[in-house]
Protein backbone atom coordinates (compact mmCIF):
# COMPACT_ATOMS: atom_id res chain seq x y z
CA UNK A 1 -138.96 -72.85 104.90
CA UNK A 2 -135.31 -73.68 105.81
CA UNK A 3 -133.05 -70.81 106.94
CA UNK A 4 -129.66 -71.18 104.06
CA UNK A 5 -126.65 -70.48 105.59
CA UNK A 6 -124.36 -68.75 102.90
CA UNK A 7 -120.69 -69.91 103.56
CA UNK A 8 -117.97 -67.19 103.33
CA UNK A 9 -114.26 -66.82 102.80
CA UNK A 10 -114.46 -65.21 106.26
CA UNK A 11 -115.90 -68.09 107.94
CA UNK A 12 -113.69 -69.58 110.38
CA UNK A 13 -113.65 -73.06 108.94
CA UNK A 14 -113.02 -71.83 105.67
CA UNK A 15 -109.92 -69.92 106.69
CA UNK A 16 -108.60 -73.02 108.75
CA UNK A 17 -108.73 -75.09 105.55
CA UNK A 18 -106.94 -72.67 103.74
CA UNK A 19 -104.31 -72.37 106.38
CA UNK A 20 -104.30 -75.61 106.52
CA UNK A 21 -103.61 -75.86 102.48
CA UNK A 22 -100.93 -73.33 102.59
CA UNK A 23 -98.70 -75.19 105.09
CA UNK A 24 -99.21 -78.14 102.65
CA UNK A 25 -98.18 -76.59 99.46
CA UNK A 26 -95.25 -74.82 101.67
CA UNK A 27 -93.94 -78.50 102.04
CA UNK A 28 -94.45 -79.98 98.99
CA UNK A 29 -92.54 -76.77 97.54
CA UNK A 30 -89.78 -77.33 100.23
CA UNK A 31 -89.52 -81.06 99.09
CA UNK A 32 -89.75 -80.48 95.66
CA UNK A 33 -86.95 -78.19 95.38
CA UNK A 34 -84.71 -80.36 97.22
CA UNK A 35 -85.35 -83.68 95.87
CA UNK A 36 -82.13 -85.00 93.83
CA UNK A 37 -83.23 -87.83 91.39
CA UNK A 38 -81.16 -91.10 91.59
CA UNK A 39 -79.37 -93.10 88.72
CA UNK A 40 -77.82 -96.37 89.26
CA UNK A 41 -78.47 -96.06 93.26
CA UNK A 42 -76.30 -92.65 93.18
CA UNK A 43 -77.22 -89.10 93.61
CA UNK A 44 -75.06 -86.46 91.52
CA UNK A 45 -74.61 -83.02 92.52
CA UNK A 46 -74.32 -80.03 90.73
CA UNK A 47 -71.53 -77.51 91.11
CA UNK A 48 -73.98 -75.42 93.35
CA UNK A 49 -74.88 -78.01 95.63
CA UNK A 50 -71.14 -79.02 96.04
CA UNK A 51 -70.03 -75.79 96.54
CA UNK A 52 -72.72 -74.83 99.20
CA UNK A 53 -72.14 -77.94 101.23
CA UNK A 54 -68.40 -77.66 101.64
CA UNK A 55 -68.88 -73.86 102.00
CA UNK A 56 -66.23 -72.90 99.06
CA UNK A 57 -66.46 -70.82 95.91
CA UNK A 58 -67.16 -72.02 92.36
CA UNK A 59 -63.97 -71.11 91.52
CA UNK A 60 -61.95 -72.65 94.35
CA UNK A 61 -64.49 -76.03 92.93
CA UNK A 62 -62.82 -75.59 89.71
CA UNK A 63 -59.54 -75.39 90.87
CA UNK A 64 -60.21 -78.36 92.90
CA UNK A 65 -61.29 -80.51 89.72
CA UNK A 66 -57.79 -78.99 87.82
CA UNK A 67 -55.71 -80.16 90.28
CA UNK A 68 -57.47 -83.76 90.28
CA UNK A 69 -58.71 -83.33 93.77
CA UNK A 70 -61.72 -83.92 92.97
CA UNK A 71 -63.07 -86.50 90.81
CA UNK A 72 -65.94 -84.90 88.12
CA UNK A 73 -68.08 -86.10 84.79
CA UNK A 74 -68.14 -83.56 82.24
CA UNK A 75 -71.67 -84.25 80.66
CA UNK A 76 -72.66 -81.77 77.55
CA UNK A 77 -70.58 -78.76 79.10
CA UNK A 78 -72.56 -79.16 82.63
CA UNK A 79 -70.00 -80.58 85.40
CA UNK A 80 -71.77 -83.29 88.03
CA UNK A 81 -70.05 -84.86 90.81
CA UNK A 82 -71.17 -88.25 92.60
CA UNK A 83 -71.94 -87.51 96.32
CA UNK A 84 -70.54 -90.93 97.13
CA UNK A 85 -67.03 -89.65 95.53
CA UNK A 86 -67.62 -86.52 97.64
CA UNK A 87 -67.84 -87.99 100.76
CA UNK A 88 -65.09 -90.67 99.84
CA UNK A 89 -63.04 -87.31 99.59
CA UNK A 90 -63.74 -85.88 102.81
CA UNK A 91 -63.28 -89.50 104.65
CA UNK A 92 -59.89 -89.86 103.20
CA UNK A 93 -58.94 -85.90 104.37
CA UNK A 94 -60.37 -86.56 107.69
CA UNK A 95 -57.80 -85.88 110.21
CA UNK A 96 -58.37 -87.55 113.58
CA UNK A 97 -57.28 -86.19 117.02
CA UNK A 98 -54.48 -87.67 118.81
CA UNK A 99 -55.11 -89.35 122.01
């Protein structure tokens, strides 16, 4: 009669397998959190995204909208920004060094 081996969760191969699955899950979660869908080849950003990227408060961002410093879209009470508009704004404000 053959001896049967019972595989338990303490088995080295089983624990290694679950560690790999955990890493895959962590990577998948990180990708989905940072994913921004594209619409007409354009990425749209929220207040949170823009304020974090520019290292400014949401109040300062509101002031930029009010004074016309930053273009935006108001859609159903939600404010969105085209990523390309933010990049253009930064490029326009860029001050080159004097040589």
